[in-house]
Amino acid sequence: MSLQGKVAVITGAARGLGRASAIEFAKNGADLVIIDICENIDSVPYVLGSLSQLDYTGQLCKELGSTVQVCKVDIRSMDQIEQAIDSGIARFGKIDILLNNAGIAAPSGKIVHEVTEEQWQVMIDIDLNGAWRMIKAVGKHMAEQRTGSIINIASTAGVVGYRHFSGYVAAKHGIIGLTKAVALDYAPLKIKVNAICPGSVRDSKEVEGIMLSEIARALEVQVSEHEATFVQAQPMNELVEPQDIADAAVWLASDASPRMTGSVITVDGGFSVK
């Protein structure tokens, strides 16, 4: 599947699924605007992606032949988003693809009445409102082009419930609703809008993924125990790989899926169909 000649914006690209997707997009010929917050947030109890990690993602993609623009952006700020998108348009002349990947999974392991209002607001503002802001900023350019592909990274938490993850579950259910509504808005303009729901993704050293380990820490269990629990919960008896999500994103971004819109693709080893 070729993305040759296409320009993609990828959020949360410093590490994990964002880096894996950026690399796969680069392998398939896309030029990139890669975005991450590159600083920590007080209410998030783990280290977020850094500027050095984002630069390294850019370096890896450049080595694959992509032209890459690196942007430090907090997706809670519309001004920062618009500056990044405007700079991408100025450099590349267009944006064909938006991969809304940025998100947090904190607080984890808390019953709903233990979650502070600040923690709830930060979760929703990043995981749901941030995706909406990105769509708003990029969508107007795609509307002028009358073409484009928007891919929102949701979660199995967007189709089922998880104990002690009320904010995350609410945000990811919101992402799926947003995907379906925006797909209808943009269908007459030939802009595809879809969501991918990853299951439990293996922490990969290659892309510096940490989420499974951080959730285990929040739940106060051993990482190996946490992994085993999720492996057993998936009918295919294995964790999802970052590459699985990147491959799905490339397909949705490419011309190989011209009439795919408003869809929610679960990549979870069968977990959500039980």
C-alpha atoms as a PDB file:
ATOM      1  CA  MET A   1       0.000   0.000   0.000  1.00  0.00           C
ATOM      2  CA  SER A   2       1.554   3.248  -1.129  1.00  0.00           C
ATOM      3  CA  LEU A   3       1.373   6.577   0.645  1.00  0.00           C
ATOM      4  CA  GLN A   4       3.744   8.111  -1.897  1.00  0.00           C
ATOM      5  CA  GLY A   5       3.097  11.812  -2.332  1.00  0.00           C
ATOM      6  CA  LYS A   6       0.881  12.027   0.749  1.00  0.00           C
ATOM      7  CA  VAL A   7       1.453  14.179   3.838  1.00  0.00           C
ATOM      8  CA  ALA A   8       0.456  12.816   7.246  1.00  0.00           C
ATOM      9  CA  VAL A   9       0.091  14.510  10.626  1.00  0.00           C
ATOM     10  CA  ILE A  10       0.659  12.106  13.529  1.00  0.00           C
ATOM     11  CA  THR A  11       0.096  13.090  17.154  1.00  0.00           C
ATOM     12  CA  GLY A  12       1.729  11.368  20.115  1.00  0.00           C
ATOM     13  CA  ALA A  13       4.605  10.426  17.825  1.00  0.00           C
ATOM     14  CA  ALA A  14       7.480  10.507  20.342  1.00  0.00           C
ATOM     15  CA  ARG A  15       7.154   6.821  21.174  1.00  0.00           C
ATOM     16  CA  GLY A  16       4.834   3.818  21.266  1.00  0.00           C
ATOM     17  CA  LEU A  17       2.060   3.484  18.692  1.00  0.00           C
ATOM     18  CA  GLY A  18       2.766   6.970  17.361  1.00  0.00           C
ATOM     19  CA  ARG A  19       6.377   6.146  16.576  1.00  0.00           C
ATOM     20  CA  ALA A  20       5.484   2.738  15.134  1.00  0.00           C
ATOM     21  CA  SER A  21       2.913   4.377  12.867  1.00  0.00           C
ATOM     22  CA  ALA A  22       5.246   7.185  11.800  1.00  0.00           C
ATOM     23  CA  ILE A  23       7.883   4.640  10.796  1.00  0.00           C
ATOM     24  CA  GLU A  24       5.361   2.585   8.822  1.00  0.00           C
ATOM     25  CA  PHE A  25       3.976   5.667   7.102  1.00  0.00           C
ATOM     26  CA  ALA A  26       7.533   6.657   6.163  1.00  0.00           C
ATOM     27  CA  LYS A  27       8.240   3.169   4.807  1.00  0.00           C
ATOM     28  CA  ASN A  28       5.210   3.589   2.576  1.00  0.00           C
ATOM     29  CA  GLY A  29       6.351   6.942   1.210  1.00  0.00           C
ATOM     30  CA  ALA A  30       4.538   9.591   3.264  1.00  0.00           C
ATOM     31  CA  ASP A  31       6.044  12.880   4.363  1.00  0.00           C
ATOM     32  CA  LEU A  32       5.278  13.694   7.972  1.00  0.00           C
ATOM     33  CA  VAL A  33       4.363  16.332  10.511  1.00  0.00           C
ATOM     34  CA  ILE A  34       4.991  14.620  13.850  1.00  0.00           C
ATOM     35  CA  ILE A  35       3.637  16.061  17.074  1.00  0.00           C
ATOM     36  CA  ASP A  36       4.000  15.416  20.797  1.00  0.00           C
ATOM     37  CA  ILE A  37       3.670  17.379  24.030  1.00  0.00           C
ATOM     38  CA  CYS A  38       7.338  16.857  24.998  1.00  0.00           C
ATOM     39  CA  GLU A  39       6.766  17.757  28.652  1.00  0.00           C
ATOM     40  CA  ASN A  40       5.117  16.226  31.690  1.00  0.00           C
ATOM     41  CA  ILE A  41       1.702  16.979  33.192  1.00  0.00           C
ATOM     42  CA  ASP A  42       1.369  17.221  36.975  1.00  0.00           C
ATOM     43  CA  SER A  43      -1.743  15.043  37.196  1.00  0.00           C
ATOM     44  CA  VAL A  44      -0.286  12.285  34.985  1.00  0.00           C
ATOM     45  CA  PRO A  45       1.804   9.953  37.190  1.00  0.00           C
ATOM     46  CA  TYR A  46       4.245   8.815  34.529  1.00  0.00           C
ATOM     47  CA  VAL A  47       6.804  10.417  32.232  1.00  0.00           C
ATOM     48  CA  LEU A  48       5.401  11.605  28.912  1.00  0.00           C
ATOM     49  CA  GLY A  49       7.198  11.638  25.577  1.00  0.00           C
ATOM     50  CA  SER A  50      10.208  13.954  25.341  1.00  0.00           C
ATOM     51  CA  LEU A  51      11.510  16.214  22.597  1.00  0.00           C
ATOM     52  CA  SER A  52      14.573  13.990  22.198  1.00  0.00           C
ATOM     53  CA  GLN A  53      12.290  10.987  21.640  1.00  0.00           C
ATOM     54  CA  LEU A  54      10.232  12.934  19.099  1.00  0.00           C
ATOM     55  CA  ASP A  55      13.403  14.039  17.318  1.00  0.00           C
ATOM     56  CA  TYR A  56      14.530  10.409  17.237  1.00  0.00           C
ATOM     57  CA  THR A  57      11.242   9.370  15.643  1.00  0.00           C
ATOM     58  CA  GLY A  58      11.877  12.050  13.045  1.00  0.00           C
ATOM     59  CA  GLN A  59      15.414  10.811  12.463  1.00  0.00           C
ATOM     60  CA  LEU A  60      14.219   7.241  11.916  1.00  0.00           C
ATOM     61  CA  CYS A  61      11.638   8.432   9.399  1.00  0.00           C
ATOM     62  CA  LYS A  62      14.130  10.632   7.552  1.00  0.00           C
ATOM     63  CA  GLU A  63      16.425   7.629   7.189  1.00  0.00           C
ATOM     64  CA  LEU A  64      13.545   5.921   5.384  1.00  0.00           C
ATOM     65  CA  GLY A  65      13.328   8.786   2.896  1.00  0.00           C
ATOM     66  CA  SER A  66      10.608  10.967   4.416  1.00  0.00           C
ATOM     67  CA  THR A  67      10.690  14.708   4.765  1.00  0.00           C
ATOM     68  CA  VAL A  68       9.744  15.336   8.388  1.00  0.00           C
ATOM     69  CA  GLN A  69       8.611  18.370  10.343  1.00  0.00           C
ATOM     70  CA  VAL A  70       8.852  18.021  14.131  1.00  0.00           C
ATOM     71  CA  CYS A  71       6.438  20.083  16.241  1.00  0.00           C
ATOM     72  CA  LYS A  72       6.232  20.385  20.023  1.00  0.00           C
ATOM     73  CA  VAL A  73       2.503  20.773  20.626  1.00  0.00           C
ATOM     74  CA  ASP A  74       0.167  20.439  23.591  1.00  0.00           C
ATOM     75  CA  ILE A  75      -3.120  19.363  22.008  1.00  0.00           C
ATOM     76  CA  ARG A  76      -4.992  21.102  24.822  1.00  0.00           C
ATOM     77  CA  SER A  77      -4.050  24.358  23.064  1.00  0.00           C
ATOM     78  CA  MET A  78      -5.866  25.278  19.842  1.00  0.00           C
ATOM     79  CA  ASP A  79      -3.302  28.009  19.186  1.00  0.00           C
ATOM     80  CA  GLN A  80      -0.390  25.542  19.312  1.00  0.00           C
ATOM     81  CA  ILE A  81      -2.244  23.105  17.069  1.00  0.00           C
ATOM     82  CA  GLU A  82      -3.070  25.740  14.469  1.00  0.00           C
ATOM     83  CA  GLN A  83       0.518  26.987  14.418  1.00  0.00           C
ATOM     84  CA  ALA A  84       1.762  23.443  13.760  1.00  0.00           C
ATOM     85  CA  ILE A  85      -0.808  22.776  11.036  1.00  0.00           C
ATOM     86  CA  ASP A  86      -0.179  26.135   9.377  1.00  0.00           C
ATOM     87  CA  SER A  87       3.563  25.442   9.362  1.00  0.00           C
ATOM     88  CA  GLY A  88       2.922  22.012   7.852  1.00  0.00           C
ATOM     89  CA  ILE A  89       0.740  23.513   5.122  1.00  0.00           C
ATOM     90  CA  ALA A  90       3.393  26.156   4.442  1.00  0.00           C
ATOM     91  CA  ARG A  91       6.052  23.478   4.055  1.00  0.00           C
ATOM     92  CA  PHE A  92       4.175  20.741   2.207  1.00  0.00           C
ATOM     93  CA  GLY A  93       1.259  22.582   0.617  1.00  0.00           C
ATOM     94  CA  LYS A  94      -1.369  20.142   1.893  1.00  0.00           C
ATOM     95  CA  ILE A  95      -2.313  17.568   4.514  1.00  0.00           C
ATOM     96  CA  ASP A  96      -3.775  14.266   3.346  1.00  0.00           C
ATOM     97  CA  ILE A  97      -3.856  12.223   6.554  1.00  0.00           C
ATOM     98  CA  LEU A  98      -4.441  12.863  10.246  1.00  0.00           C
ATOM     99  CA  LEU A  99      -3.614  10.117  12.740  1.00  0.00           C
ATOM    100  CA  ASN A 100      -5.049  11.161  16.103  1.00  0.00           C
ATOM    101  CA  ASN A 101      -2.929   8.995  18.382  1.00  0.00           C
ATOM    102  CA  ALA A 102      -2.037  11.246  21.337  1.00  0.00           C
ATOM    103  CA  GLY A 103      -3.561  10.267  24.648  1.00  0.00           C
ATOM    104  CA  ILE A 104      -3.014   9.395  28.292  1.00  0.00           C
ATOM    105  CA  ALA A 105      -4.248   6.510  30.431  1.00  0.00           C
ATOM    106  CA  ALA A 106      -4.216   8.172  33.837  1.00  0.00           C
ATOM    107  CA  PRO A 107      -5.532   7.986  36.427  1.00  0.00           C
ATOM    108  CA  SER A 108      -5.629   4.201  36.341  1.00  0.00           C
ATOM    109  CA  GLY A 109      -6.694   1.877  39.120  1.00  0.00           C
ATOM    110  CA  LYS A 110      -9.077   4.333  40.799  1.00  0.00           C
ATOM    111  CA  ILE A 111     -12.764   3.867  41.501  1.00  0.00           C
ATOM    112  CA  VAL A 112     -14.750   6.785  40.100  1.00  0.00           C
ATOM    113  CA  HIS A 113     -15.226   8.706  43.375  1.00  0.00           C
ATOM    114  CA  GLU A 114     -11.447   8.621  43.974  1.00  0.00           C
ATOM    115  CA  VAL A 115     -10.736  10.470  40.722  1.00  0.00           C
ATOM    116  CA  THR A 116     -10.213  14.201  41.198  1.00  0.00           C
ATOM    117  CA  GLU A 117     -11.994  16.717  39.012  1.00  0.00           C
ATOM    118  CA  GLU A 118      -8.624  17.876  37.687  1.00  0.00           C
ATOM    119  CA  GLN A 119      -7.659  14.316  36.701  1.00  0.00           C
ATOM    120  CA  TRP A 120     -10.994  13.834  34.952  1.00  0.00           C
ATOM    121  CA  GLN A 121     -10.737  17.131  33.089  1.00  0.00           C
ATOM    122  CA  VAL A 122      -7.164  16.495  31.931  1.00  0.00           C
ATOM    123  CA  MET A 123      -8.117  13.037  30.656  1.00  0.00           C
ATOM    124  CA  ILE A 124     -11.091  14.309  28.653  1.00  0.00           C
ATOM    125  CA  ASP A 125      -9.232  17.391  27.442  1.00  0.00           C
ATOM    126  CA  ILE A 126      -6.387  15.352  25.979  1.00  0.00           C
ATOM    127  CA  ASP A 127      -7.973  12.086  24.884  1.00  0.00           C
ATOM    128  CA  LEU A 128     -11.255  13.459  23.507  1.00  0.00           C
ATOM    129  CA  ASN A 129     -11.092  17.227  23.159  1.00  0.00           C
ATOM    130  CA  GLY A 130      -7.557  17.038  21.764  1.00  0.00           C
ATOM    131  CA  ALA A 131      -8.713  14.770  18.944  1.00  0.00           C
ATOM    132  CA  TRP A 132     -11.592  17.145  18.196  1.00  0.00           C
ATOM    133  CA  ARG A 133      -9.213  20.119  18.083  1.00  0.00           C
ATOM    134  CA  MET A 134      -6.911  18.311  15.660  1.00  0.00           C
ATOM    135  CA  ILE A 135      -9.839  17.410  13.401  1.00  0.00           C
ATOM    136  CA  LYS A 136     -11.062  21.011  13.494  1.00  0.00           C
ATOM    137  CA  ALA A 137      -7.627  22.350  12.516  1.00  0.00           C
ATOM    138  CA  VAL A 138      -6.911  19.800   9.779  1.00  0.00           C
ATOM    139  CA  GLY A 139     -10.458  19.260   8.550  1.00  0.00           C
ATOM    140  CA  LYS A 140     -10.852  22.715   7.034  1.00  0.00           C
ATOM    141  CA  HIS A 141      -7.843  22.088   4.795  1.00  0.00           C
ATOM    142  CA  MET A 142      -9.095  18.640   3.802  1.00  0.00           C
ATOM    143  CA  ALA A 143     -12.503  20.173   3.035  1.00  0.00           C
ATOM    144  CA  GLU A 144     -10.859  22.600   0.606  1.00  0.00           C
ATOM    145  CA  GLN A 145      -8.969  19.697  -0.994  1.00  0.00           C
ATOM    146  CA  ARG A 146     -12.131  17.525  -1.011  1.00  0.00           C
ATOM    147  CA  THR A 147     -10.064  14.531  -0.003  1.00  0.00           C
ATOM    148  CA  GLY A 148      -8.352  13.137   3.087  1.00  0.00           C
ATOM    149  CA  SER A 149      -8.252  10.416   5.710  1.00  0.00           C
ATOM    150  CA  ILE A 150      -8.720  10.927   9.452  1.00  0.00           C
ATOM    151  CA  ILE A 151      -7.853   8.016  11.733  1.00  0.00           C
ATOM    152  CA  ASN A 152      -8.652   8.185  15.432  1.00  0.00           C
ATOM    153  CA  ILE A 153      -6.948   5.809  17.836  1.00  0.00           C
ATOM    154  CA  ALA A 154      -9.642   4.710  20.267  1.00  0.00           C
ATOM    155  CA  SER A 155      -9.363   1.533  22.372  1.00  0.00           C
ATOM    156  CA  THR A 156     -11.267  -1.560  23.346  1.00  0.00           C
ATOM    157  CA  ALA A 157     -12.186   0.738  26.244  1.00  0.00           C
ATOM    158  CA  GLY A 158     -14.307   2.530  23.657  1.00  0.00           C
ATOM    159  CA  VAL A 159     -16.491  -0.527  23.060  1.00  0.00           C
ATOM    160  CA  VAL A 160     -16.556  -2.207  26.490  1.00  0.00           C
ATOM    161  CA  GLY A 161     -16.183  -1.026  30.078  1.00  0.00           C
ATOM    162  CA  TYR A 162     -13.163  -1.441  32.355  1.00  0.00           C
ATOM    163  CA  ARG A 163     -13.269  -1.219  36.139  1.00  0.00           C
ATOM    164  CA  HIS A 164     -11.275   1.654  37.641  1.00  0.00           C
ATOM    165  CA  PHE A 165     -10.796   3.423  34.281  1.00  0.00           C
ATOM    166  CA  SER A 166     -13.900   5.625  34.161  1.00  0.00           C
ATOM    167  CA  GLY A 167     -12.233   8.659  32.566  1.00  0.00           C
ATOM    168  CA  TYR A 168     -10.385   6.650  29.942  1.00  0.00           C
ATOM    169  CA  VAL A 169     -13.473   4.608  29.067  1.00  0.00           C
ATOM    170  CA  ALA A 170     -15.595   7.762  28.779  1.00  0.00           C
ATOM    171  CA  ALA A 171     -13.021   9.469  26.552  1.00  0.00           C
ATOM    172  CA  LYS A 172     -12.597   6.491  24.236  1.00  0.00           C
ATOM    173  CA  HIS A 173     -16.343   5.935  23.909  1.00  0.00           C
ATOM    174  CA  GLY A 174     -16.438   9.620  22.997  1.00  0.00           C
ATOM    175  CA  ILE A 175     -13.792   9.102  20.320  1.00  0.00           C
ATOM    176  CA  ILE A 176     -15.945   6.464  18.645  1.00  0.00           C
ATOM    177  CA  GLY A 177     -18.994   8.738  18.721  1.00  0.00           C
ATOM    178  CA  LEU A 178     -16.907  11.600  17.338  1.00  0.00           C
ATOM    179  CA  THR A 179     -15.608   9.350  14.561  1.00  0.00           C
ATOM    180  CA  LYS A 180     -19.096   8.363  13.432  1.00  0.00           C
ATOM    181  CA  ALA A 181     -20.467  11.914  13.533  1.00  0.00           C
ATOM    182  CA  VAL A 182     -17.514  13.449  11.674  1.00  0.00           C
ATOM    183  CA  ALA A 183     -17.631  10.648   9.088  1.00  0.00           C
ATOM    184  CA  LEU A 184     -21.157  11.776   8.214  1.00  0.00           C
ATOM    185  CA  ASP A 185     -20.100  15.439   8.142  1.00  0.00           C
ATOM    186  CA  TYR A 186     -17.254  14.754   5.745  1.00  0.00           C
ATOM    187  CA  ALA A 187     -18.641  11.951   3.560  1.00  0.00           C
ATOM    188  CA  PRO A 188     -19.918  14.365   0.860  1.00  0.00           C
ATOM    189  CA  LEU A 189     -16.390  15.806   0.667  1.00  0.00           C
ATOM    190  CA  LYS A 190     -14.806  12.351   0.160  1.00  0.00           C
ATOM    191  CA  ILE A 191     -12.924  12.576   3.461  1.00  0.00           C
ATOM    192  CA  LYS A 192     -12.687   9.219   5.226  1.00  0.00           C
ATOM    193  CA  VAL A 193     -13.001   9.129   9.022  1.00  0.00           C
ATOM    194  CA  ASN A 194     -12.377   5.889  10.902  1.00  0.00           C
ATOM    195  CA  ALA A 195     -11.263   4.615  14.300  1.00  0.00           C
ATOM    196  CA  ILE A 196      -8.917   1.845  15.400  1.00  0.00           C
ATOM    197  CA  CYS A 197      -9.469   0.173  18.768  1.00  0.00           C
ATOM    198  CA  PRO A 198      -6.260  -1.492  19.966  1.00  0.00           C
ATOM    199  CA  GLY A 199      -6.431  -4.155  22.614  1.00  0.00           C
ATOM    200  CA  SER A 200      -3.590  -4.590  25.099  1.00  0.00           C
ATOM    201  CA  VAL A 201      -0.431  -3.624  23.226  1.00  0.00           C
ATOM    202  CA  ARG A 202       2.924  -5.118  24.113  1.00  0.00           C
ATOM    203  CA  ASP A 203       5.478  -2.689  25.521  1.00  0.00           C
ATOM    204  CA  SER A 204       8.034  -2.622  22.718  1.00  0.00           C
ATOM    205  CA  LYS A 205      11.603  -1.490  23.373  1.00  0.00           C
ATOM    206  CA  GLU A 206      11.927  -0.654  19.675  1.00  0.00           C
ATOM    207  CA  VAL A 207       9.332   2.107  19.911  1.00  0.00           C
ATOM    208  CA  GLU A 208       9.752   2.792  23.661  1.00  0.00           C
ATOM    209  CA  GLY A 209       6.202   1.761  24.514  1.00  0.00           C
ATOM    210  CA  ILE A 210       5.450   1.893  28.243  1.00  0.00           C
ATOM    211  CA  MET A 211       1.679   1.859  28.665  1.00  0.00           C
ATOM    212  CA  LEU A 212       1.186  -1.737  29.780  1.00  0.00           C
ATOM    213  CA  SER A 213       3.892  -1.340  32.421  1.00  0.00           C
ATOM    214  CA  GLU A 214       2.458   1.956  33.677  1.00  0.00           C
ATOM    215  CA  ILE A 215      -1.029   0.506  34.021  1.00  0.00           C
ATOM    216  CA  ALA A 216       0.385  -2.468  35.930  1.00  0.00           C
ATOM    217  CA  ARG A 217       2.167  -0.061  38.270  1.00  0.00           C
ATOM    218  CA  ALA A 218      -1.038   1.913  38.841  1.00  0.00           C
ATOM    219  CA  LEU A 219      -2.910  -1.291  39.629  1.00  0.00           C
ATOM    220  CA  GLU A 220      -0.062  -2.326  41.959  1.00  0.00           C
ATOM    221  CA  VAL A 221       0.591  -5.643  40.220  1.00  0.00           C
ATOM    222  CA  GLN A 222       3.684  -7.118  38.594  1.00  0.00           C
ATOM    223  CA  VAL A 223       4.062  -6.361  34.887  1.00  0.00           C
ATOM    224  CA  SER A 224       4.402 -10.075  34.107  1.00  0.00           C
ATOM    225  CA  GLU A 225       1.195 -10.799  36.031  1.00  0.00           C
ATOM    226  CA  HIS A 226      -0.615  -7.971  34.247  1.00  0.00           C
ATOM    227  CA  GLU A 227       0.550  -9.185  30.833  1.00  0.00           C
ATOM    228  CA  ALA A 228      -0.506 -12.742  31.624  1.00  0.00           C
ATOM    229  CA  THR A 229      -3.981 -11.548  32.619  1.00  0.00           C
ATOM    230  CA  PHE A 230      -4.476  -9.771  29.307  1.00  0.00           C
ATOM    231  CA  VAL A 231      -3.013 -12.617  27.262  1.00  0.00           C
ATOM    232  CA  GLN A 232      -5.483 -15.005  28.879  1.00  0.00           C
ATOM    233  CA  ALA A 233      -8.338 -12.574  28.186  1.00  0.00           C
ATOM    234  CA  GLN A 234      -7.655 -12.567  24.446  1.00  0.00           C
ATOM    235  CA  PRO A 235      -8.942 -15.567  22.464  1.00  0.00           C
ATOM    236  CA  MET A 236      -5.758 -15.541  20.344  1.00  0.00           C
ATOM    237  CA  ASN A 237      -3.694 -15.747  23.564  1.00  0.00           C
ATOM    238  CA  GLU A 238      -1.186 -13.045  22.666  1.00  0.00           C
ATOM    239  CA  LEU A 239      -0.746  -9.319  23.101  1.00  0.00           C
ATOM    240  CA  VAL A 240      -1.248  -6.909  20.229  1.00  0.00           C
ATOM    241  CA  GLU A 241       1.970  -5.665  18.608  1.00  0.00           C
ATOM    242  CA  PRO A 242       2.530  -1.971  17.792  1.00  0.00           C
ATOM    243  CA  GLN A 243       3.065  -3.035  14.187  1.00  0.00           C
ATOM    244  CA  ASP A 244      -0.490  -4.409  14.053  1.00  0.00           C
ATOM    245  CA  ILE A 245      -1.901  -0.952  14.723  1.00  0.00           C
ATOM    246  CA  ALA A 246       0.522   0.767  12.345  1.00  0.00           C
ATOM    247  CA  ASP A 247      -0.448  -1.610   9.533  1.00  0.00           C
ATOM    248  CA  ALA A 248      -4.152  -0.956  10.086  1.00  0.00           C
ATOM    249  CA  ALA A 249      -3.529   2.798  10.073  1.00  0.00           C
ATOM    250  CA  VAL A 250      -1.602   2.642   6.793  1.00  0.00           C
ATOM    251  CA  TRP A 251      -4.443   0.725   5.143  1.00  0.00           C
ATOM    252  CA  LEU A 252      -7.031   3.265   6.306  1.00  0.00           C
ATOM    253  CA  ALA A 253      -4.787   6.132   5.184  1.00  0.00           C
ATOM    254  CA  SER A 254      -4.153   4.653   1.748  1.00  0.00           C
ATOM    255  CA  ASP A 255      -6.164   4.595  -1.466  1.00  0.00           C
ATOM    256  CA  ALA A 256      -6.734   0.872  -0.855  1.00  0.00           C
ATOM    257  CA  SER A 257      -9.730   1.759   1.366  1.00  0.00           C
ATOM    258  CA  PRO A 258     -11.591   4.377  -0.722  1.00  0.00           C
ATOM    259  CA  ARG A 259     -15.083   3.793   0.676  1.00  0.00           C
ATOM    260  CA  MET A 260     -14.110   2.907   4.222  1.00  0.00           C
ATOM    261  CA  THR A 261     -15.598   5.555   6.490  1.00  0.00           C
ATOM    262  CA  GLY A 262     -17.403   5.689   9.819  1.00  0.00           C
ATOM    263  CA  SER A 263     -15.931   2.318  10.729  1.00  0.00           C
ATOM    264  CA  VAL A 264     -14.468   1.108  14.005  1.00  0.00           C
ATOM    265  CA  ILE A 265     -11.769  -1.538  13.598  1.00  0.00           C
ATOM    266  CA  THR A 266     -10.841  -3.579  16.659  1.00  0.00           C
ATOM    267  CA  VAL A 267      -7.323  -5.006  16.726  1.00  0.00           C
ATOM    268  CA  ASP A 268      -7.493  -6.944  19.960  1.00  0.00           C
ATOM    269  CA  GLY A 269      -6.985 -10.652  19.381  1.00  0.00           C
ATOM    270  CA  GLY A 270     -10.728 -11.208  19.686  1.00  0.00           C
ATOM    271  CA  PHE A 271     -11.065  -9.701  23.174  1.00  0.00           C
ATOM    272  CA  SER A 272     -14.088  -7.506  22.461  1.00  0.00           C
ATOM    273  CA  VAL A 273     -16.202 -10.173  20.735  1.00  0.00           C
ATOM    274  CA  LYS A 274     -16.445 -12.482  23.738  1.00  0.00           C
END
